[in-house]
């Protein structure tokens, strides 16, 4: 069941614990790949905020440097998202 309520502003604090990302599109002729990024808290709840980019494009020289090193892509995603990788405990 559900019921409508008058809009009520709610402010809460949370922290990004991890991200999930997948290929949104890939254009080999342009040497371009676009990743869609989802931010999650420690309970796997999706965090959405306008200032958090949800798409990351890698093209040109960044794409050329990728080669076969998936670690490069992960590091580049973190850099473009202004996040710091954390070692699993």
PDB file of N, CA and C in Angstrom:
ATOM      1  N   UNK A   1       0.840  -1.171   0.000  1.00  0.00           N
ATOM      2  CA  UNK A   1       0.000   0.000   0.000  1.00  0.00           C
ATOM      3  C   UNK A   1       0.885   1.233   0.000  1.00  0.00           C
ATOM      4  N   UNK A   2       0.328   2.327  -0.441  1.00  0.00           N
ATOM      5  CA  UNK A   2       1.052   3.587  -0.402  1.00  0.00           C
ATOM      6  C   UNK A   2       0.058   4.730  -0.258  1.00  0.00           C
ATOM      7  N   UNK A   3       0.578   5.872   0.168  1.00  0.00           N
ATOM      8  CA  UNK A   3      -0.252   7.059   0.335  1.00  0.00           C
ATOM      9  C   UNK A   3       0.605   8.284   0.053  1.00  0.00           C
ATOM     10  N   UNK A   4       0.016   9.300  -0.535  1.00  0.00           N
ATOM     11  CA  UNK A   4       0.717  10.537  -0.831  1.00  0.00           C
ATOM     12  C   UNK A   4       0.865  11.389   0.416  1.00  0.00           C
ATOM     13  N   UNK A   5       1.979  12.103   0.491  1.00  0.00           N
ATOM     14  CA  UNK A   5       2.205  13.055   1.574  1.00  0.00           C
ATOM     15  C   UNK A   5       2.654  14.367   0.961  1.00  0.00           C
ATOM     16  N   UNK A   6       2.484  15.432   1.702  1.00  0.00           N
ATOM     17  CA  UNK A   6       3.023  16.715   1.260  1.00  0.00           C
ATOM     18  C   UNK A   6       4.545  16.604   1.261  1.00  0.00           C
ATOM     19  N   UNK A   7       5.224  17.231   0.305  1.00  0.00           N
ATOM     20  CA  UNK A   7       6.684  17.149   0.262  1.00  0.00           C
ATOM     21  C   UNK A   7       7.315  17.590   1.574  1.00  0.00           C
ATOM     22  N   UNK A   8       8.295  16.835   2.006  1.00  0.00           N
ATOM     23  CA  UNK A   8       9.003  17.113   3.244  1.00  0.00           C
ATOM     24  C   UNK A   8      10.490  16.946   2.978  1.00  0.00           C
ATOM     25  N   UNK A   9      11.270  17.987   3.201  1.00  0.00           N
ATOM     26  CA  UNK A   9      12.718  17.902   3.003  1.00  0.00           C
ATOM     27  C   UNK A   9      13.343  17.072   4.113  1.00  0.00           C
ATOM     28  N   UNK A  10      14.204  16.141   3.708  1.00  0.00           N
ATOM     29  CA  UNK A  10      14.892  15.278   4.657  1.00  0.00           C
ATOM     30  C   UNK A  10      16.387  15.355   4.351  1.00  0.00           C
ATOM     31  N   UNK A  11      17.156  15.589   5.373  1.00  0.00           N
ATOM     32  CA  UNK A  11      18.601  15.636   5.207  1.00  0.00           C
ATOM     33  C   UNK A  11      19.208  14.518   6.039  1.00  0.00           C
ATOM     34  N   UNK A  12      20.084  13.754   5.408  1.00  0.00           N
ATOM     35  CA  UNK A  12      20.781  12.712   6.140  1.00  0.00           C
ATOM     36  C   UNK A  12      22.201  12.604   5.601  1.00  0.00           C
ATOM     37  N   UNK A  13      23.053  12.018   6.388  1.00  0.00           N
ATOM     38  CA  UNK A  13      24.451  11.896   6.012  1.00  0.00           C
ATOM     39  C   UNK A  13      24.770  10.428   5.765  1.00  0.00           C
ATOM     40  N   UNK A  14      25.528  10.197   4.716  1.00  0.00           N
ATOM     41  CA  UNK A  14      25.965   8.839   4.408  1.00  0.00           C
ATOM     42  C   UNK A  14      27.328   8.925   3.749  1.00  0.00           C
ATOM     43  N   UNK A  15      27.977   7.810   3.587  1.00  0.00           N
ATOM     44  CA  UNK A  15      29.291   7.767   2.960  1.00  0.00           C
ATOM     45  C   UNK A  15      29.280   6.770   1.814  1.00  0.00           C
ATOM     46  N   UNK A  16      29.994   7.114   0.769  1.00  0.00           N
ATOM     47  CA  UNK A  16      30.169   6.170  -0.336  1.00  0.00           C
ATOM     48  C   UNK A  16      31.140   5.100   0.138  1.00  0.00           C
ATOM     49  N   UNK A  17      30.722   3.853   0.067  1.00  0.00           N
ATOM     50  CA  UNK A  17      31.564   2.736   0.484  1.00  0.00           C
ATOM     51  C   UNK A  17      32.218   2.054  -0.716  1.00  0.00           C
ATOM     52  N   UNK A  18      31.474   1.968  -1.819  1.00  0.00           N
ATOM     53  CA  UNK A  18      31.996   1.316  -3.008  1.00  0.00           C
ATOM     54  C   UNK A  18      31.201   1.769  -4.232  1.00  0.00           C
ATOM     55  N   UNK A  19      31.723   1.437  -5.396  1.00  0.00           N
ATOM     56  CA  UNK A  19      31.033   1.762  -6.640  1.00  0.00           C
ATOM     57  C   UNK A  19      30.841   0.497  -7.460  1.00  0.00           C
ATOM     58  N   UNK A  20      29.837   0.528  -8.306  1.00  0.00           N
ATOM     59  CA  UNK A  20      29.641  -0.484  -9.332  1.00  0.00           C
ATOM     60  C   UNK A  20      29.690   0.245 -10.666  1.00  0.00           C
ATOM     61  N   UNK A  21      30.278  -0.360 -11.654  1.00  0.00           N
ATOM     62  CA  UNK A  21      30.367   0.286 -12.956  1.00  0.00           C
ATOM     63  C   UNK A  21      30.229  -0.764 -14.046  1.00  0.00           C
ATOM     64  N   UNK A  22      29.648  -0.343 -15.153  1.00  0.00           N
ATOM     65  CA  UNK A  22      29.549  -1.229 -16.301  1.00  0.00           C
ATOM     66  C   UNK A  22      29.634  -0.409 -17.576  1.00  0.00           C
ATOM     67  N   UNK A  23      29.906  -1.090 -18.665  1.00  0.00           N
ATOM     68  CA  UNK A  23      30.035  -0.411 -19.949  1.00  0.00           C
ATOM     69  C   UNK A  23      28.652  -0.001 -20.433  1.00  0.00           C
ATOM     70  N   UNK A  24      28.456   1.297 -20.580  1.00  0.00           N
ATOM     71  CA  UNK A  24      27.214   1.843 -21.116  1.00  0.00           C
ATOM     72  C   UNK A  24      27.236   1.773 -22.637  1.00  0.00           C
ATOM     73  N   UNK A  25      28.377   2.158 -23.214  1.00  0.00           N
ATOM     74  CA  UNK A  25      28.529   2.085 -24.673  1.00  0.00           C
ATOM     75  C   UNK A  25      30.007   2.006 -25.021  1.00  0.00           C
ATOM     76  N   UNK A  26      30.269   1.470 -26.203  1.00  0.00           N
ATOM     77  CA  UNK A  26      31.638   1.342 -26.681  1.00  0.00           C
ATOM     78  C   UNK A  26      31.623   1.558 -28.183  1.00  0.00           C
ATOM     79  N   UNK A  27      32.491   2.439 -28.653  1.00  0.00           N
ATOM     80  CA  UNK A  27      32.593   2.720 -30.082  1.00  0.00           C
ATOM     81  C   UNK A  27      34.044   2.513 -30.496  1.00  0.00           C
ATOM     82  N   UNK A  28      34.309   1.358 -31.099  1.00  0.00           N
ATOM     83  CA  UNK A  28      35.684   1.025 -31.474  1.00  0.00           C
ATOM     84  C   UNK A  28      36.226   1.964 -32.544  1.00  0.00           C
ATOM     85  N   UNK A  29      35.365   2.443 -33.432  1.00  0.00           N
ATOM     86  CA  UNK A  29      35.837   3.341 -34.487  1.00  0.00           C
ATOM     87  C   UNK A  29      36.284   4.692 -33.926  1.00  0.00           C
ATOM     88  N   UNK A  30      35.668   5.131 -32.837  1.00  0.00           N
ATOM     89  CA  UNK A  30      36.051   6.388 -32.184  1.00  0.00           C
ATOM     90  C   UNK A  30      37.067   6.168 -31.065  1.00  0.00           C
ATOM     91  N   UNK A  31      37.347   4.889 -30.771  1.00  0.00           N
ATOM     92  CA  UNK A  31      38.193   4.545 -29.623  1.00  0.00           C
ATOM     93  C   UNK A  31      37.660   5.222 -28.366  1.00  0.00           C
ATOM     94  N   UNK A  32      36.402   4.898 -28.059  1.00  0.00           N
ATOM     95  CA  UNK A  32      35.726   5.530 -26.923  1.00  0.00           C
ATOM     96  C   UNK A  32      34.871   4.511 -26.184  1.00  0.00           C
ATOM     97  N   UNK A  33      34.917   4.588 -24.870  1.00  0.00           N
ATOM     98  CA  UNK A  33      34.081   3.738 -24.028  1.00  0.00           C
ATOM     99  C   UNK A  33      33.458   4.624 -22.949  1.00  0.00           C
ATOM    100  N   UNK A  34      32.189   4.377 -22.660  1.00  0.00           N
ATOM    101  CA  UNK A  34      31.479   5.139 -21.634  1.00  0.00           C
ATOM    102  C   UNK A  34      31.029   4.158 -20.554  1.00  0.00           C
ATOM    103  N   UNK A  35      31.408   4.454 -19.313  1.00  0.00           N
ATOM    104  CA  UNK A  35      31.017   3.639 -18.170  1.00  0.00           C
ATOM    105  C   UNK A  35      29.886   4.327 -17.421  1.00  0.00           C
ATOM    106  N   UNK A  36      28.910   3.542 -16.964  1.00  0.00           N
ATOM    107  CA  UNK A  36      27.877   4.021 -16.058  1.00  0.00           C
ATOM    108  C   UNK A  36      28.314   3.633 -14.657  1.00  0.00           C
ATOM    109  N   UNK A  37      28.257   4.575 -13.726  1.00  0.00           N
ATOM    110  CA  UNK A  37      28.748   4.358 -12.359  1.00  0.00           C
ATOM    111  C   UNK A  37      27.603   4.507 -11.360  1.00  0.00           C
ATOM    112  N   UNK A  38      27.522   3.570 -10.425  1.00  0.00           N
ATOM    113  CA  UNK A  38      26.569   3.638  -9.328  1.00  0.00           C
ATOM    114  C   UNK A  38      27.362   3.685  -8.031  1.00  0.00           C
ATOM    115  N   UNK A  39      26.985   4.591  -7.148  1.00  0.00           N
ATOM    116  CA  UNK A  39      27.630   4.746  -5.848  1.00  0.00           C
ATOM    117  C   UNK A  39      26.755   4.065  -4.799  1.00  0.00           C
ATOM    118  N   UNK A  40      27.402   3.318  -3.887  1.00  0.00           N
ATOM    119  CA  UNK A  40      26.653   2.600  -2.865  1.00  0.00           C
ATOM    120  C   UNK A  40      27.254   2.825  -1.484  1.00  0.00           C
ATOM    121  N   UNK A  41      26.383   2.750  -0.470  1.00  0.00           N
ATOM    122  CA  UNK A  41      26.890   2.844   0.898  1.00  0.00           C
ATOM    123  C   UNK A  41      27.225   1.443   1.395  1.00  0.00           C
ATOM    124  N   UNK A  42      27.587   1.332   2.646  1.00  0.00           N
ATOM    125  CA  UNK A  42      28.021   0.056   3.216  1.00  0.00           C
ATOM    126  C   UNK A  42      26.916  -0.994   3.205  1.00  0.00           C
ATOM    127  N   UNK A  43      25.644  -0.547   3.155  1.00  0.00           N
ATOM    128  CA  UNK A  43      24.502  -1.472   3.113  1.00  0.00           C
ATOM    129  C   UNK A  43      23.995  -1.727   1.696  1.00  0.00           C
ATOM    130  N   UNK A  44      24.790  -1.347   0.702  1.00  0.00           N
ATOM    131  CA  UNK A  44      24.439  -1.493  -0.719  1.00  0.00           C
ATOM    132  C   UNK A  44      23.242  -0.648  -1.135  1.00  0.00           C
ATOM    133  N   UNK A  45      22.999   0.438  -0.417  1.00  0.00           N
ATOM    134  CA  UNK A  45      21.947   1.382  -0.786  1.00  0.00           C
ATOM    135  C   UNK A  45      22.553   2.368  -1.782  1.00  0.00           C
ATOM    136  N   UNK A  46      21.865   2.577  -2.894  1.00  0.00           N
ATOM    137  CA  UNK A  46      22.359   3.482  -3.928  1.00  0.00           C
ATOM    138  C   UNK A  46      22.304   4.923  -3.438  1.00  0.00           C
ATOM    139  N   UNK A  47      23.397   5.632  -3.658  1.00  0.00           N
ATOM    140  CA  UNK A  47      23.502   7.042  -3.282  1.00  0.00           C
ATOM    141  C   UNK A  47      23.389   7.864  -4.566  1.00  0.00           C
ATOM    142  N   UNK A  48      22.416   8.747  -4.619  1.00  0.00           N
ATOM    143  CA  UNK A  48      22.270   9.624  -5.783  1.00  0.00           C
ATOM    144  C   UNK A  48      22.348  11.069  -5.332  1.00  0.00           C
ATOM    145  N   UNK A  49      23.198  11.793  -5.980  1.00  0.00           N
ATOM    146  CA  UNK A  49      23.352  13.220  -5.720  1.00  0.00           C
ATOM    147  C   UNK A  49      23.713  13.873  -7.052  1.00  0.00           C
ATOM    148  N   UNK A  50      23.155  15.047  -7.333  1.00  0.00           N
ATOM    149  CA  UNK A  50      23.437  15.699  -8.616  1.00  0.00           C
ATOM    150  C   UNK A  50      24.922  15.933  -8.882  1.00  0.00           C
ATOM    151  N   UNK A  51      25.700  16.154  -7.837  1.00  0.00           N
ATOM    152  CA  UNK A  51      27.115  16.441  -8.042  1.00  0.00           C
ATOM    153  C   UNK A  51      27.976  15.205  -8.281  1.00  0.00           C
ATOM    154  N   UNK A  52      27.391  14.012  -8.167  1.00  0.00           N
ATOM    155  CA  UNK A  52      28.141  12.790  -8.433  1.00  0.00           C
ATOM    156  C   UNK A  52      27.965  12.382  -9.894  1.00  0.00           C
ATOM    157  N   UNK A  53      29.055  12.332 -10.660  1.00  0.00           N
ATOM    158  CA  UNK A  53      28.910  11.940 -12.068  1.00  0.00           C
ATOM    159  C   UNK A  53      28.499  10.476 -12.184  1.00  0.00           C
ATOM    160  N   UNK A  54      27.570  10.200 -13.083  1.00  0.00           N
ATOM    161  CA  UNK A  54      27.131   8.814 -13.281  1.00  0.00           C
ATOM    162  C   UNK A  54      27.697   8.215 -14.565  1.00  0.00           C
ATOM    163  N   UNK A  55      28.283   9.041 -15.415  1.00  0.00           N
ATOM    164  CA  UNK A  55      28.889   8.564 -16.656  1.00  0.00           C
ATOM    165  C   UNK A  55      30.340   9.019 -16.716  1.00  0.00           C
ATOM    166  N   UNK A  56      31.207   8.112 -17.124  1.00  0.00           N
ATOM    167  CA  UNK A  56      32.622   8.432 -17.303  1.00  0.00           C
ATOM    168  C   UNK A  56      33.010   7.985 -18.706  1.00  0.00           C
ATOM    169  N   UNK A  57      33.555   8.926 -19.480  1.00  0.00           N
ATOM    170  CA  UNK A  57      33.982   8.633 -20.848  1.00  0.00           C
ATOM    171  C   UNK A  57      35.502   8.529 -20.893  1.00  0.00           C
ATOM    172  N   UNK A  58      35.961   7.481 -21.540  1.00  0.00           N
ATOM    173  CA  UNK A  58      37.393   7.290 -21.744  1.00  0.00           C
ATOM    174  C   UNK A  58      37.600   7.204 -23.250  1.00  0.00           C
ATOM    175  N   UNK A  59      38.421   8.110 -23.757  1.00  0.00           N
ATOM    176  CA  UNK A  59      38.636   8.164 -25.202  1.00  0.00           C
ATOM    177  C   UNK A  59      40.024   8.694 -25.501  1.00  0.00           C
ATOM    178  N   UNK A  60      40.352   8.711 -26.781  1.00  0.00           N
ATOM    179  CA  UNK A  60      41.633   9.274 -27.219  1.00  0.00           C
ATOM    180  C   UNK A  60      42.821   8.569 -26.608  1.00  0.00           C
ATOM    181  N   UNK A  61      43.763   9.366 -26.105  1.00  0.00           N
ATOM    182  CA  UNK A  61      44.996   8.818 -25.552  1.00  0.00           C
ATOM    183  C   UNK A  61      44.734   7.929 -24.333  1.00  0.00           C
ATOM    184  N   UNK A  62      43.767   8.305 -23.498  1.00  0.00           N
ATOM    185  CA  UNK A  62      43.431   7.462 -22.341  1.00  0.00           C
ATOM    186  C   UNK A  62      42.979   6.079 -22.805  1.00  0.00           C
ATOM    187  N   UNK A  63      42.189   6.023 -23.854  1.00  0.00           N
ATOM    188  CA  UNK A  63      41.724   4.754 -24.407  1.00  0.00           C
ATOM    189  C   UNK A  63      42.906   3.958 -24.953  1.00  0.00           C
ATOM    190  N   UNK A  64      43.803   4.643 -25.681  1.00  0.00           N
ATOM    191  CA  UNK A  64      44.966   3.973 -26.270  1.00  0.00           C
ATOM    192  C   UNK A  64      45.876   3.371 -25.207  1.00  0.00           C
ATOM    193  N   UNK A  65      45.998   4.027 -24.064  1.00  0.00           N
ATOM    194  CA  UNK A  65      46.868   3.540 -22.995  1.00  0.00           C
ATOM    195  C   UNK A  65      46.300   2.324 -22.272  1.00  0.00           C
ATOM    196  N   UNK A  66      45.019   2.054 -22.458  1.00  0.00           N
ATOM    197  CA  UNK A  66      44.357   0.954 -21.772  1.00  0.00           C
ATOM    198  C   UNK A  66      45.028  -0.369 -22.102  1.00  0.00           C
ATOM    199  N   UNK A  67      45.159  -0.687 -23.375  1.00  0.00           N
ATOM    200  CA  UNK A  67      45.733  -1.973 -23.770  1.00  0.00           C
ATOM    201  C   UNK A  67      44.951  -3.118 -23.166  1.00  0.00           C
ATOM    202  N   UNK A  68      45.640  -4.008 -22.475  1.00  0.00           N
ATOM    203  CA  UNK A  68      45.012  -5.168 -21.831  1.00  0.00           C
ATOM    204  C   UNK A  68      44.990  -5.044 -20.311  1.00  0.00           C
ATOM    205  N   UNK A  69      45.366  -3.883 -19.792  1.00  0.00           N
ATOM    206  CA  UNK A  69      45.499  -3.699 -18.347  1.00  0.00           C
ATOM    207  C   UNK A  69      44.211  -3.144 -17.741  1.00  0.00           C
ATOM    208  N   UNK A  70      43.346  -4.026 -17.240  1.00  0.00           N
ATOM    209  CA  UNK A  70      42.098  -3.582 -16.621  1.00  0.00           C
ATOM    210  C   UNK A  70      42.343  -2.764 -15.355  1.00  0.00           C
ATOM    211  N   UNK A  71      43.476  -2.977 -14.700  1.00  0.00           N
ATOM    212  CA  UNK A  71      43.827  -2.172 -13.537  1.00  0.00           C
ATOM    213  C   UNK A  71      43.962  -0.705 -13.910  1.00  0.00           C
ATOM    214  N   UNK A  72      44.432  -0.446 -15.123  1.00  0.00           N
ATOM    215  CA  UNK A  72      44.554   0.937 -15.608  1.00  0.00           C
ATOM    216  C   UNK A  72      43.180   1.598 -15.656  1.00  0.00           C
ATOM    217  N   UNK A  73      42.182   0.879 -16.169  1.00  0.00           N
ATOM    218  CA  UNK A  73      40.830   1.434 -16.276  1.00  0.00           C
ATOM    219  C   UNK A  73      40.259   1.721 -14.894  1.00  0.00           C
ATOM    220  N   UNK A  74      40.452   0.819 -13.969  1.00  0.00           N
ATOM    221  CA  UNK A  74      39.927   1.025 -12.617  1.00  0.00           C
ATOM    222  C   UNK A  74      40.574   2.259 -11.986  1.00  0.00           C
ATOM    223  N   UNK A  75      41.894   2.376 -12.102  1.00  0.00           N
ATOM    224  CA  UNK A  75      42.588   3.543 -11.558  1.00  0.00           C
ATOM    225  C   UNK A  75      42.125   4.827 -12.234  1.00  0.00           C
ATOM    226  N   UNK A  76      41.909   4.777 -13.551  1.00  0.00           N
ATOM    227  CA  UNK A  76      41.458   5.955 -14.285  1.00  0.00           C
ATOM    228  C   UNK A  76      40.037   6.347 -13.872  1.00  0.00           C
ATOM    229  N   UNK A  77      39.173   5.355 -13.679  1.00  0.00           N
ATOM    230  CA  UNK A  77      37.820   5.649 -13.193  1.00  0.00           C
ATOM    231  C   UNK A  77      37.872   6.366 -11.845  1.00  0.00           C
ATOM    232  N   UNK A  78      38.665   5.834 -10.923  1.00  0.00           N
ATOM    233  CA  UNK A  78      38.786   6.467  -9.606  1.00  0.00           C
ATOM    234  C   UNK A  78      39.291   7.900  -9.741  1.00  0.00           C
ATOM    235  N   UNK A  79      40.285   8.098 -10.600  1.00  0.00           N
ATOM    236  CA  UNK A  79      40.842   9.441 -10.795  1.00  0.00           C
ATOM    237  C   UNK A  79      39.781  10.389 -11.339  1.00  0.00           C
ATOM    238  N   UNK A  80      39.039   9.954 -12.361  1.00  0.00           N
ATOM    239  CA  UNK A  80      38.020  10.808 -12.974  1.00  0.00           C
ATOM    240  C   UNK A  80      36.855  11.088 -12.020  1.00  0.00           C
ATOM    241  N   UNK A  81      36.603  10.164 -11.093  1.00  0.00           N
ATOM    242  CA  UNK A  81      35.520  10.330 -10.126  1.00  0.00           C
ATOM    243  C   UNK A  81      36.002  11.028  -8.849  1.00  0.00           C
ATOM    244  N   UNK A  82      37.293  11.301  -8.787  1.00  0.00           N
ATOM    245  CA  UNK A  82      37.893  11.939  -7.616  1.00  0.00           C
ATOM    246  C   UNK A  82      37.689  11.088  -6.345  1.00  0.00           C
ATOM    247  N   UNK A  83      37.888   9.779  -6.502  1.00  0.00           N
ATOM    248  CA  UNK A  83      37.763   8.838  -5.391  1.00  0.00           C
ATOM    249  C   UNK A  83      39.107   8.188  -5.120  1.00  0.00           C
ATOM    250  N   UNK A  84      39.289   7.681  -3.923  1.00  0.00           N
ATOM    251  CA  UNK A  84      40.507   6.986  -3.538  1.00  0.00           C
ATOM    252  C   UNK A  84      40.201   5.508  -3.378  1.00  0.00           C
ATOM    253  N   UNK A  85      40.937   4.640  -4.087  1.00  0.00           N
ATOM    254  CA  UNK A  85      40.702   3.205  -3.936  1.00  0.00           C
ATOM    255  C   UNK A  85      41.071   2.735  -2.523  1.00  0.00           C
ATOM    256  N   UNK A  86      40.333   1.748  -2.069  1.00  0.00           N
ATOM    257  CA  UNK A  86      40.558   1.192  -0.734  1.00  0.00           C
ATOM    258  C   UNK A  86      40.847  -0.296  -0.889  1.00  0.00           C
ATOM    259  N   UNK A  87      41.814  -0.783  -0.134  1.00  0.00           N
ATOM    260  CA  UNK A  87      42.143  -2.212  -0.154  1.00  0.00           C
ATOM    261  C   UNK A  87      41.105  -2.959   0.684  1.00  0.00           C
ATOM    262  N   UNK A  88      40.541  -4.048   0.136  1.00  0.00           N
ATOM    263  CA  UNK A  88      39.570  -4.826   0.917  1.00  0.00           C
ATOM    264  C   UNK A  88      40.201  -5.354   2.208  1.00  0.00           C
ATOM    265  N   UNK A  89      39.384  -5.392   3.250  1.00  0.00           N
ATOM    266  CA  UNK A  89      39.894  -5.890   4.549  1.00  0.00           C
ATOM    267  C   UNK A  89      39.396  -7.297   4.799  1.00  0.00           C
TER     268      UNK A  89
END
